[in-house]
Amino acid sequence: MAKNNTTLSAAFSATEEVPTLASGTGVSDGRYVVFPGGEVAQIVKGTTAGTTTPRLKRGLQGTAPDVYVAGAAVTIQDA
């Protein structure tokens, strides 16, 4: 599956698990969300495909949750 690029519609703190995305294209269980600076999160099983508010498991692959501003670019991709 291809990479899908979108942005955050609202600021996202380091402790939150549900971002608000501008587009839900490519959102589905098990895919990864890569944030600016390299933080990797995985879309949690049970998240509705195509939603703009996916539940995430954050800080994967040795990365740490961080704070992001509204408008920050994110990529949704396969593992």
C-alpha atoms as a PDB file:
ATOM      1  CA  MET A   1       0.000   0.000   0.000  1.00  0.00           C
ATOM      2  CA  ALA A   2       1.250   3.485  -0.784  1.00  0.00           C
ATOM      3  CA  LYS A   3       2.174   6.188   1.647  1.00  0.00           C
ATOM      4  CA  ASN A   4      -0.518   8.745   2.415  1.00  0.00           C
ATOM      5  CA  ASN A   5       0.402  12.273   3.461  1.00  0.00           C
ATOM      6  CA  THR A   6      -1.831  14.490   5.570  1.00  0.00           C
ATOM      7  CA  THR A   7      -1.554  17.099   8.310  1.00  0.00           C
ATOM      8  CA  LEU A   8      -2.741  17.483  11.881  1.00  0.00           C
ATOM      9  CA  SER A   9      -5.933  19.535  12.134  1.00  0.00           C
ATOM     10  CA  ALA A  10      -5.222  20.369  15.775  1.00  0.00           C
ATOM     11  CA  ALA A  11      -2.221  20.460  18.093  1.00  0.00           C
ATOM     12  CA  PHE A  12      -1.264  17.032  19.507  1.00  0.00           C
ATOM     13  CA  SER A  13       0.408  16.669  22.922  1.00  0.00           C
ATOM     14  CA  ALA A  14       2.948  14.029  23.932  1.00  0.00           C
ATOM     15  CA  THR A  15       0.391  12.287  26.174  1.00  0.00           C
ATOM     16  CA  GLU A  16      -2.537  12.102  23.744  1.00  0.00           C
ATOM     17  CA  GLU A  17      -3.372   8.908  21.828  1.00  0.00           C
ATOM     18  CA  VAL A  18      -5.958  10.245  19.337  1.00  0.00           C
ATOM     19  CA  PRO A  19      -4.802  12.915  16.865  1.00  0.00           C
ATOM     20  CA  THR A  20      -7.150  14.833  14.583  1.00  0.00           C
ATOM     21  CA  LEU A  21      -6.009  14.428  10.986  1.00  0.00           C
ATOM     22  CA  ALA A  22      -7.027  16.556   8.013  1.00  0.00           C
ATOM     23  CA  SER A  23      -7.643  13.373   5.974  1.00  0.00           C
ATOM     24  CA  GLY A  24      -8.402   9.772   6.881  1.00  0.00           C
ATOM     25  CA  THR A  25      -7.094   8.406   3.572  1.00  0.00           C
ATOM     26  CA  GLY A  26      -4.986   5.325   4.292  1.00  0.00           C
ATOM     27  CA  VAL A  27      -6.017   5.055   7.951  1.00  0.00           C
ATOM     28  CA  SER A  28      -6.520   1.373   8.857  1.00  0.00           C
ATOM     29  CA  ASP A  29      -5.560  -1.064  11.603  1.00  0.00           C
ATOM     30  CA  GLY A  30      -1.859  -1.837  11.877  1.00  0.00           C
ATOM     31  CA  ARG A  31      -0.554   0.940   9.626  1.00  0.00           C
ATOM     32  CA  TYR A  32       2.043   3.366  10.932  1.00  0.00           C
ATOM     33  CA  VAL A  33       1.890   7.119  11.391  1.00  0.00           C
ATOM     34  CA  VAL A  34       5.205   8.951  11.134  1.00  0.00           C
ATOM     35  CA  PHE A  35       5.389  12.411  12.684  1.00  0.00           C
ATOM     36  CA  PRO A  36       7.872  15.248  12.038  1.00  0.00           C
ATOM     37  CA  GLY A  37      11.188  14.435  13.673  1.00  0.00           C
ATOM     38  CA  GLY A  38      10.621  10.713  13.180  1.00  0.00           C
ATOM     39  CA  GLU A  39       8.238   9.619  15.946  1.00  0.00           C
ATOM     40  CA  VAL A  40       6.561   6.370  14.872  1.00  0.00           C
ATOM     41  CA  ALA A  41       3.094   5.339  16.061  1.00  0.00           C
ATOM     42  CA  GLN A  42       0.853   2.447  15.051  1.00  0.00           C
ATOM     43  CA  ILE A  43      -2.879   2.626  14.398  1.00  0.00           C
ATOM     44  CA  VAL A  44      -4.502   0.394  17.019  1.00  0.00           C
ATOM     45  CA  LYS A  45      -6.705  -2.545  16.063  1.00  0.00           C
ATOM     46  CA  GLY A  46     -10.369  -1.620  16.165  1.00  0.00           C
ATOM     47  CA  THR A  47      -9.891   1.864  14.698  1.00  0.00           C
ATOM     48  CA  THR A  48     -12.496   2.588  12.021  1.00  0.00           C
ATOM     49  CA  ALA A  49     -10.868   2.644   8.578  1.00  0.00           C
ATOM     50  CA  GLY A  50     -10.739   6.107   7.039  1.00  0.00           C
ATOM     51  CA  THR A  51     -11.405   7.962  10.299  1.00  0.00           C
ATOM     52  CA  THR A  52      -9.678  11.289  10.893  1.00  0.00           C
ATOM     53  CA  THR A  53      -9.315  10.419  14.607  1.00  0.00           C
ATOM     54  CA  PRO A  54      -7.395   7.126  14.801  1.00  0.00           C
ATOM     55  CA  ARG A  55      -6.276   5.681  18.161  1.00  0.00           C
ATOM     56  CA  LEU A  56      -2.484   5.263  18.242  1.00  0.00           C
ATOM     57  CA  LYS A  57       0.155   3.327  20.138  1.00  0.00           C
ATOM     58  CA  ARG A  58       2.940   5.911  20.262  1.00  0.00           C
ATOM     59  CA  GLY A  59       6.717   5.906  20.616  1.00  0.00           C
ATOM     60  CA  LEU A  60       7.529   2.766  18.638  1.00  0.00           C
ATOM     61  CA  GLN A  61      10.871   1.693  17.172  1.00  0.00           C
ATOM     62  CA  GLY A  62      12.861   3.566  19.814  1.00  0.00           C
ATOM     63  CA  THR A  63      11.136   6.904  19.183  1.00  0.00           C
ATOM     64  CA  ALA A  64       9.553   9.097  21.859  1.00  0.00           C
ATOM     65  CA  PRO A  65       6.162  10.831  21.839  1.00  0.00           C
ATOM     66  CA  ASP A  66       6.520  14.537  21.213  1.00  0.00           C
ATOM     67  CA  VAL A  67       4.343  17.655  20.884  1.00  0.00           C
ATOM     68  CA  TYR A  68       3.115  18.725  17.435  1.00  0.00           C
ATOM     69  CA  VAL A  69       1.408  21.875  16.199  1.00  0.00           C
ATOM     70  CA  ALA A  70      -1.706  22.070  14.045  1.00  0.00           C
ATOM     71  CA  GLY A  71      -0.690  21.812  10.409  1.00  0.00           C
ATOM     72  CA  ALA A  72       2.267  19.492  11.061  1.00  0.00           C
ATOM     73  CA  ALA A  73       2.782  17.030   8.196  1.00  0.00           C
ATOM     74  CA  VAL A  74       2.351  13.316   8.954  1.00  0.00           C
ATOM     75  CA  THR A  75       2.704  10.204   6.802  1.00  0.00           C
ATOM     76  CA  ILE A  76       0.551   7.087   7.051  1.00  0.00           C
ATOM     77  CA  GLN A  77       2.323   3.978   5.752  1.00  0.00           C
ATOM     78  CA  ASP A  78       2.768   0.224   6.025  1.00  0.00           C
ATOM     79  CA  ALA A  79       5.274  -1.267   8.417  1.00  0.00           C
END
